[in-house]
Amino acid sequence: MAAITWLRVPCKKLFHRNLAPCMWNIQKADFAKPVGVAGLGSKKAGKLGKLGPIAEKIVLPVETDTEKLVNYVCGSNILKQGQDVQLKPDSEYPDWLWSLRLTKPPPLEEMDPNSIQYWRRLRKLNIQRQSRLMKLRKY
């Protein structure tokens, strides 16, 4: 059950018209205490360490079967039953899939100035430059 207590604390200042010291009322609520990791306050949530509750690490299983790794997309089945999606031969996939760029985006000099990607990239680079310059500024 939450408990609210009232404390009367004398203030150190004297008011201009009143030379008697004033009293401040301070409300102290102790129902907002931090709870464990699970949020329910159970002891199973984690051990209490020096800096608070310690979350337990979850060990995920890793597929080591080479046949399954070569022929299936491991982890694609999110249901309890069924199996992962089987990979097809390369000829059944579209041609544009093999020409996708998997590295960093091209530099600004290699991009076409008439494209929207060029101007978006230019804007992003200018924002990053302004941000770096503002960090150097001394206030």
N, C-alpha and C. Protein backbone atom coordinates (compact mmCIF):
# COMPACT_ATOMS: atom_id res chain seq x y z
N MET A 1 0.85 -1.18 0.00
CA MET A 1 0.00 0.00 0.00
C MET A 1 0.88 1.24 0.00
N ALA A 2 0.50 2.21 -0.74
CA ALA A 2 1.28 3.44 -0.84
C ALA A 2 1.09 4.29 0.40
N ALA A 3 2.15 4.92 0.78
CA ALA A 3 2.10 5.78 1.96
C ALA A 3 2.57 7.17 1.57
N ILE A 4 1.79 8.16 2.00
CA ILE A 4 2.15 9.56 1.75
C ILE A 4 2.33 10.22 3.10
N THR A 5 3.44 10.84 3.31
CA THR A 5 3.71 11.52 4.57
C THR A 5 3.96 12.98 4.31
N TRP A 6 3.59 13.80 5.28
CA TRP A 6 3.81 15.23 5.18
C TRP A 6 4.89 15.63 6.16
N LEU A 7 5.85 16.38 5.70
CA LEU A 7 6.94 16.85 6.54
C LEU A 7 6.87 18.37 6.62
N ARG A 8 7.06 18.90 7.80
CA ARG A 8 7.13 20.34 7.96
C ARG A 8 8.59 20.71 8.14
N VAL A 9 9.12 21.44 7.18
CA VAL A 9 10.53 21.79 7.17
C VAL A 9 10.64 23.31 7.28
N PRO A 10 11.39 23.82 8.24
CA PRO A 10 11.54 25.28 8.32
C PRO A 10 12.44 25.78 7.20
N CYS A 11 12.04 26.89 6.59
CA CYS A 11 12.88 27.48 5.55
C CYS A 11 13.86 28.43 6.21
N LYS A 12 14.96 28.68 5.57
CA LYS A 12 16.03 29.49 6.15
C LYS A 12 15.89 30.96 5.81
N LYS A 13 14.93 31.30 4.96
CA LYS A 13 14.77 32.70 4.56
C LYS A 13 13.72 33.38 5.43
N LEU A 14 13.87 34.63 5.60
CA LEU A 14 12.86 35.44 6.27
C LEU A 14 12.16 36.27 5.21
N PHE A 15 10.84 36.30 5.29
CA PHE A 15 10.10 37.08 4.32
C PHE A 15 10.27 38.56 4.59
N HIS A 16 10.06 39.39 3.59
CA HIS A 16 10.30 40.83 3.67
C HIS A 16 9.40 41.49 4.70
N ARG A 17 8.10 41.19 4.67
CA ARG A 17 7.17 41.84 5.59
C ARG A 17 7.04 41.10 6.89
N ASN A 18 7.27 39.82 6.86
CA ASN A 18 7.11 39.01 8.06
C ASN A 18 8.49 38.57 8.53
N LEU A 19 8.87 38.97 9.72
CA LEU A 19 10.20 38.61 10.20
C LEU A 19 10.23 37.24 10.85
N ALA A 20 9.09 36.58 10.97
CA ALA A 20 9.05 35.23 11.55
C ALA A 20 9.45 34.22 10.48
N PRO A 21 10.20 33.20 10.83
CA PRO A 21 10.57 32.19 9.84
C PRO A 21 9.34 31.44 9.34
N CYS A 22 9.39 31.02 8.08
CA CYS A 22 8.26 30.32 7.48
C CYS A 22 8.46 28.81 7.59
N MET A 23 7.39 28.07 7.36
CA MET A 23 7.43 26.60 7.36
C MET A 23 6.97 26.12 5.99
N TRP A 24 7.67 25.18 5.41
CA TRP A 24 7.28 24.61 4.13
C TRP A 24 6.71 23.24 4.37
N ASN A 25 5.66 22.93 3.66
CA ASN A 25 5.09 21.60 3.71
C ASN A 25 5.64 20.81 2.53
N ILE A 26 6.22 19.68 2.80
CA ILE A 26 6.79 18.84 1.76
C ILE A 26 6.06 17.51 1.79
N GLN A 27 5.56 17.12 0.64
CA GLN A 27 4.86 15.84 0.53
C GLN A 27 5.86 14.79 0.07
N LYS A 28 5.95 13.70 0.81
CA LYS A 28 6.87 12.63 0.47
C LYS A 28 6.06 11.38 0.17
N ALA A 29 6.17 10.89 -1.04
CA ALA A 29 5.44 9.69 -1.44
C ALA A 29 6.45 8.58 -1.66
N ASP A 30 6.26 7.46 -0.98
CA ASP A 30 7.21 6.36 -1.13
C ASP A 30 6.58 5.18 -1.86
N PHE A 31 5.62 5.47 -2.74
CA PHE A 31 5.05 4.39 -3.54
C PHE A 31 5.72 4.26 -4.90
N ALA A 32 6.65 5.13 -5.24
CA ALA A 32 7.32 5.09 -6.54
C ALA A 32 8.72 4.50 -6.41
N LYS A 33 8.81 3.37 -5.80
CA LYS A 33 10.11 2.71 -5.66
C LYS A 33 10.35 1.83 -6.88
N PRO A 34 11.60 1.69 -7.32
CA PRO A 34 11.87 0.85 -8.49
C PRO A 34 11.56 -0.61 -8.19
N VAL A 35 11.03 -1.28 -9.21
CA VAL A 35 10.66 -2.67 -9.10
C VAL A 35 11.69 -3.50 -9.85
N GLY A 36 11.66 -4.81 -9.70
CA GLY A 36 12.61 -5.70 -10.36
C GLY A 36 12.51 -5.66 -11.86
N VAL A 37 13.27 -6.49 -12.56
CA VAL A 37 13.35 -6.49 -14.01
C VAL A 37 12.01 -6.87 -14.63
N ALA A 38 11.31 -7.85 -14.04
CA ALA A 38 10.07 -8.32 -14.63
C ALA A 38 8.93 -7.34 -14.41
N GLY A 39 9.05 -6.43 -13.46
CA GLY A 39 8.01 -5.47 -13.20
C GLY A 39 7.01 -5.94 -12.16
N LEU A 40 7.10 -7.18 -11.74
CA LEU A 40 6.17 -7.69 -10.76
C LEU A 40 6.82 -7.85 -9.39
N GLY A 41 8.07 -7.58 -9.29
CA GLY A 41 8.76 -7.64 -8.01
C GLY A 41 9.12 -9.05 -7.58
N SER A 42 9.10 -10.01 -8.48
CA SER A 42 9.42 -11.37 -8.09
C SER A 42 10.93 -11.55 -7.99
N LYS A 43 11.34 -12.48 -7.17
CA LYS A 43 12.77 -12.73 -6.97
C LYS A 43 13.38 -13.49 -8.15
N LYS A 44 12.54 -14.11 -8.98
CA LYS A 44 13.06 -14.86 -10.11
C LYS A 44 13.51 -13.96 -11.25
N ALA A 45 13.17 -12.67 -11.17
CA ALA A 45 13.47 -11.75 -12.26
C ALA A 45 14.97 -11.59 -12.48
N GLY A 46 15.74 -11.59 -11.44
CA GLY A 46 17.18 -11.42 -11.57
C GLY A 46 17.80 -11.27 -10.21
N LYS A 47 19.07 -11.58 -10.12
CA LYS A 47 19.76 -11.44 -8.85
C LYS A 47 20.04 -9.97 -8.59
N LEU A 48 20.01 -9.60 -7.34
CA LEU A 48 20.25 -8.22 -6.99
C LEU A 48 21.74 -8.03 -6.77
N GLY A 49 22.36 -7.25 -7.63
CA GLY A 49 23.79 -7.00 -7.55
C GLY A 49 24.07 -5.67 -6.89
N LYS A 50 25.29 -5.21 -7.02
CA LYS A 50 25.69 -3.95 -6.42
C LYS A 50 24.99 -2.76 -7.07
N LEU A 51 24.77 -2.84 -8.37
CA LEU A 51 24.18 -1.74 -9.11
C LEU A 51 22.71 -1.98 -9.45
N GLY A 52 22.08 -2.99 -8.90
CA GLY A 52 20.68 -3.26 -9.16
C GLY A 52 20.51 -4.67 -9.69
N PRO A 53 19.31 -4.98 -10.21
CA PRO A 53 19.06 -6.33 -10.69
C PRO A 53 19.89 -6.67 -11.92
N ILE A 54 20.36 -7.90 -11.97
CA ILE A 54 21.18 -8.38 -13.07
C ILE A 54 20.31 -9.29 -13.94
N ALA A 55 20.17 -8.97 -15.21
CA ALA A 55 19.36 -9.78 -16.12
C ALA A 55 20.13 -11.04 -16.49
N GLU A 56 19.39 -12.14 -16.52
CA GLU A 56 20.01 -13.40 -16.90
C GLU A 56 20.12 -13.48 -18.42
N LYS A 57 21.22 -14.01 -18.93
CA LYS A 57 21.43 -14.12 -20.36
C LYS A 57 20.67 -15.31 -20.91
N ILE A 58 20.06 -15.12 -22.07
CA ILE A 58 19.33 -16.19 -22.74
C ILE A 58 20.25 -16.77 -23.81
N VAL A 59 20.43 -18.06 -23.79
CA VAL A 59 21.27 -18.72 -24.78
C VAL A 59 20.38 -19.21 -25.91
N LEU A 60 20.60 -18.69 -27.11
CA LEU A 60 19.82 -19.09 -28.27
C LEU A 60 20.51 -20.24 -28.99
N PRO A 61 19.74 -21.20 -29.47
CA PRO A 61 20.36 -22.33 -30.17
C PRO A 61 20.89 -21.90 -31.54
N VAL A 62 22.03 -22.43 -31.92
CA VAL A 62 22.66 -22.12 -33.20
C VAL A 62 22.69 -23.38 -34.04
N GLU A 63 22.26 -23.24 -35.30
CA GLU A 63 22.23 -24.39 -36.21
C GLU A 63 23.65 -24.73 -36.67
N THR A 64 24.04 -25.98 -36.53
CA THR A 64 25.38 -26.41 -36.92
C THR A 64 25.36 -27.43 -38.05
N ASP A 65 24.17 -27.90 -38.45
CA ASP A 65 24.06 -28.88 -39.53
C ASP A 65 24.33 -28.18 -40.87
N THR A 66 25.38 -28.59 -41.57
CA THR A 66 25.77 -27.91 -42.81
C THR A 66 24.76 -28.13 -43.93
N GLU A 67 24.14 -29.30 -43.99
CA GLU A 67 23.14 -29.57 -45.03
C GLU A 67 21.95 -28.62 -44.88
N LYS A 68 21.53 -28.44 -43.66
CA LYS A 68 20.39 -27.55 -43.41
C LYS A 68 20.77 -26.09 -43.68
N LEU A 69 21.98 -25.69 -43.35
CA LEU A 69 22.42 -24.32 -43.59
C LEU A 69 22.50 -23.99 -45.08
N VAL A 70 22.85 -24.99 -45.91
CA VAL A 70 23.00 -24.77 -47.35
C VAL A 70 21.65 -24.78 -48.06
N ASN A 71 20.70 -25.59 -47.59
CA ASN A 71 19.45 -25.79 -48.32
C ASN A 71 18.26 -25.02 -47.78
N TYR A 72 18.32 -24.48 -46.59
CA TYR A 72 17.17 -23.80 -45.98
C TYR A 72 17.57 -22.42 -45.45
N VAL A 73 16.55 -21.54 -45.33
CA VAL A 73 16.75 -20.24 -44.69
C VAL A 73 16.47 -20.45 -43.21
N CYS A 74 17.53 -20.61 -42.42
CA CYS A 74 17.36 -20.95 -41.01
C CYS A 74 16.76 -19.77 -40.25
N GLY A 75 15.76 -20.07 -39.44
CA GLY A 75 15.11 -19.05 -38.63
C GLY A 75 13.95 -18.36 -39.33
N SER A 76 13.57 -18.80 -40.54
CA SER A 76 12.47 -18.14 -41.25
C SER A 76 11.10 -18.63 -40.77
N ASN A 77 11.03 -19.76 -40.10
CA ASN A 77 9.77 -20.26 -39.60
C ASN A 77 9.55 -19.73 -38.18
N ILE A 78 8.52 -18.89 -38.01
CA ILE A 78 8.26 -18.33 -36.69
C ILE A 78 7.15 -19.08 -35.97
N LEU A 79 6.54 -20.04 -36.63
CA LEU A 79 5.48 -20.83 -36.02
C LEU A 79 6.07 -22.01 -35.26
N LYS A 80 5.26 -22.59 -34.37
CA LYS A 80 5.73 -23.74 -33.60
C LYS A 80 5.84 -24.98 -34.48
N GLN A 81 4.98 -25.08 -35.49
CA GLN A 81 5.02 -26.24 -36.37
C GLN A 81 5.47 -25.80 -37.75
N GLY A 82 5.87 -26.74 -38.54
CA GLY A 82 6.33 -26.43 -39.89
C GLY A 82 7.84 -26.44 -39.96
N GLN A 83 8.36 -26.02 -41.11
CA GLN A 83 9.81 -26.01 -41.29
C GLN A 83 10.23 -24.72 -41.98
N ASP A 84 11.51 -24.49 -42.03
CA ASP A 84 12.05 -23.27 -42.64
C ASP A 84 11.85 -23.30 -44.15
N VAL A 85 11.95 -22.11 -44.76
CA VAL A 85 11.78 -21.97 -46.21
C VAL A 85 12.98 -22.60 -46.91
N GLN A 86 12.68 -23.39 -47.94
CA GLN A 86 13.76 -24.04 -48.69
C GLN A 86 14.26 -23.11 -49.79
N LEU A 87 15.58 -23.06 -49.97
CA LEU A 87 16.18 -22.21 -51.00
C LEU A 87 15.97 -22.81 -52.38
N LYS A 88 15.75 -21.92 -53.37
CA LYS A 88 15.55 -22.34 -54.76
C LYS A 88 16.84 -22.15 -55.53
N PRO A 89 16.93 -22.70 -56.75
CA PRO A 89 18.12 -22.44 -57.58
C PRO A 89 18.18 -20.96 -57.98
N ASP A 90 19.37 -20.48 -58.31
CA ASP A 90 19.57 -19.07 -58.65
C ASP A 90 18.76 -18.62 -59.85
N SER A 91 18.44 -19.52 -60.75
CA SER A 91 17.70 -19.13 -61.96
C SER A 91 16.25 -18.74 -61.66
N GLU A 92 15.71 -19.13 -60.53
CA GLU A 92 14.33 -18.81 -60.19
C GLU A 92 14.18 -17.45 -59.50
N TYR A 93 15.27 -16.80 -59.18
CA TYR A 93 15.21 -15.48 -58.55
C TYR A 93 15.37 -14.40 -59.62
N PRO A 94 14.82 -13.18 -59.41
CA PRO A 94 14.95 -12.12 -60.42
C PRO A 94 16.38 -11.65 -60.58
N ASP A 95 16.69 -11.10 -61.76
CA ASP A 95 18.05 -10.67 -62.07
C ASP A 95 18.51 -9.49 -61.22
N TRP A 96 17.59 -8.57 -60.87
CA TRP A 96 17.97 -7.40 -60.10
C TRP A 96 18.45 -7.76 -58.70
N LEU A 97 18.08 -8.93 -58.22
CA LEU A 97 18.50 -9.35 -56.88
C LEU A 97 20.02 -9.52 -56.80
N TRP A 98 20.64 -9.95 -57.90
CA TRP A 98 22.08 -10.20 -57.90
C TRP A 98 22.89 -8.94 -58.17
N SER A 99 22.22 -7.85 -58.58
CA SER A 99 22.94 -6.61 -58.83
C SER A 99 22.75 -5.58 -57.71
N LEU A 100 22.19 -5.98 -56.59
CA LEU A 100 22.02 -5.06 -55.47
C LEU A 100 23.36 -4.68 -54.88
N ARG A 101 23.49 -3.42 -54.47
CA ARG A 101 24.73 -2.94 -53.87
C ARG A 101 24.72 -3.30 -52.39
N LEU A 102 25.69 -4.08 -51.94
CA LEU A 102 25.75 -4.54 -50.55
C LEU A 102 26.80 -3.80 -49.73
N THR A 103 27.52 -2.89 -50.37
CA THR A 103 28.56 -2.15 -49.66
C THR A 103 28.03 -0.76 -49.28
N LYS A 104 28.93 0.14 -48.93
CA LYS A 104 28.55 1.50 -48.57
C LYS A 104 27.91 2.20 -49.77
N PRO A 105 27.10 3.23 -49.53
CA PRO A 105 26.54 3.98 -50.66
C PRO A 105 27.65 4.68 -51.44
N PRO A 106 27.42 4.94 -52.72
CA PRO A 106 28.48 5.56 -53.53
C PRO A 106 28.77 6.98 -53.05
N PRO A 107 29.99 7.46 -53.27
CA PRO A 107 30.29 8.84 -52.89
C PRO A 107 29.46 9.82 -53.71
N LEU A 108 29.37 11.03 -53.23
CA LEU A 108 28.54 12.05 -53.87
C LEU A 108 29.00 12.35 -55.29
N GLU A 109 30.29 12.25 -55.55
CA GLU A 109 30.82 12.55 -56.87
C GLU A 109 30.34 11.55 -57.92
N GLU A 110 30.06 10.32 -57.52
CA GLU A 110 29.64 9.28 -58.47
C GLU A 110 28.14 9.30 -58.73
N MET A 111 27.37 10.07 -57.95
CA MET A 111 25.92 10.07 -58.10
C MET A 111 25.48 11.10 -59.14
N ASP A 112 24.31 10.87 -59.71
CA ASP A 112 23.74 11.77 -60.72
C ASP A 112 23.08 12.96 -60.03
N PRO A 113 23.47 14.21 -60.37
CA PRO A 113 22.88 15.38 -59.71
C PRO A 113 21.41 15.59 -60.02
N ASN A 114 20.86 14.91 -60.99
CA ASN A 114 19.45 15.06 -61.33
C ASN A 114 18.55 14.07 -60.59
N SER A 115 19.11 13.25 -59.70
CA SER A 115 18.31 12.27 -58.99
C SER A 115 17.98 12.76 -57.59
N ILE A 116 16.90 12.24 -57.03
CA ILE A 116 16.47 12.63 -55.68
C ILE A 116 17.43 12.06 -54.63
N GLN A 117 18.05 10.91 -54.92
CA GLN A 117 19.00 10.32 -53.98
C GLN A 117 20.22 11.22 -53.79
N TYR A 118 20.63 11.87 -54.86
CA TYR A 118 21.78 12.79 -54.78
C TYR A 118 21.49 13.92 -53.80
N TRP A 119 20.31 14.53 -53.93
CA TRP A 119 19.98 15.67 -53.09
C TRP A 119 19.72 15.26 -51.64
N ARG A 120 19.18 14.09 -51.44
CA ARG A 120 18.99 13.59 -50.07
C ARG A 120 20.34 13.33 -49.41
N ARG A 121 21.24 12.74 -50.16
CA ARG A 121 22.58 12.46 -49.64
C ARG A 121 23.34 13.77 -49.35
N LEU A 122 23.21 14.76 -50.24
CA LEU A 122 23.85 16.06 -50.05
C LEU A 122 23.32 16.74 -48.79
N ARG A 123 22.01 16.67 -48.57
CA ARG A 123 21.42 17.26 -47.38
C ARG A 123 21.92 16.57 -46.11
N LYS A 124 21.98 15.24 -46.14
CA LYS A 124 22.45 14.48 -44.99
C LYS A 124 23.90 14.82 -44.65
N LEU A 125 24.74 14.92 -45.68
CA LEU A 125 26.15 15.26 -45.45
C LEU A 125 26.30 16.67 -44.89
N ASN A 126 25.47 17.61 -45.36
CA ASN A 126 25.53 18.98 -44.84
C ASN A 126 25.06 19.06 -43.39
N ILE A 127 24.04 18.28 -43.05
CA ILE A 127 23.58 18.25 -41.65
C ILE A 127 24.66 17.68 -40.75
N GLN A 128 25.33 16.62 -41.20
CA GLN A 128 26.42 16.04 -40.41
C GLN A 128 27.57 17.03 -40.25
N ARG A 129 27.89 17.77 -41.30
CA ARG A 129 28.96 18.76 -41.24
C ARG A 129 28.61 19.87 -40.26
N GLN A 130 27.37 20.37 -40.33
CA GLN A 130 26.95 21.43 -39.41
C GLN A 130 26.97 20.94 -37.97
N SER A 131 26.60 19.71 -37.76
CA SER A 131 26.60 19.14 -36.41
C SER A 131 28.02 19.08 -35.85
N ARG A 132 28.97 18.65 -36.68
CA ARG A 132 30.37 18.61 -36.23
C ARG A 132 30.90 20.00 -35.93
N LEU A 133 30.52 21.00 -36.75
CA LEU A 133 30.98 22.37 -36.51
C LEU A 133 30.38 22.95 -35.23
N MET A 134 29.14 22.62 -34.93
CA MET A 134 28.50 23.13 -33.73
C MET A 134 29.12 22.53 -32.47
N LYS A 135 29.62 21.30 -32.58
CA LYS A 135 30.28 20.69 -31.41
C LYS A 135 31.59 21.42 -31.07
N LEU A 136 32.25 21.98 -32.07
CA LEU A 136 33.52 22.67 -31.84
C LEU A 136 33.31 24.07 -31.26
N ARG A 137 32.12 24.59 -31.38
CA ARG A 137 31.84 25.95 -30.94
C ARG A 137 31.84 26.03 -29.42
N LYS A 138 32.53 27.03 -28.88
CA LYS A 138 32.58 27.20 -27.43
C LYS A 138 31.58 28.25 -27.03
N TYR A 139 30.86 27.97 -25.98
CA TYR A 139 29.83 28.91 -25.50
C TYR A 139 30.30 29.64 -24.29
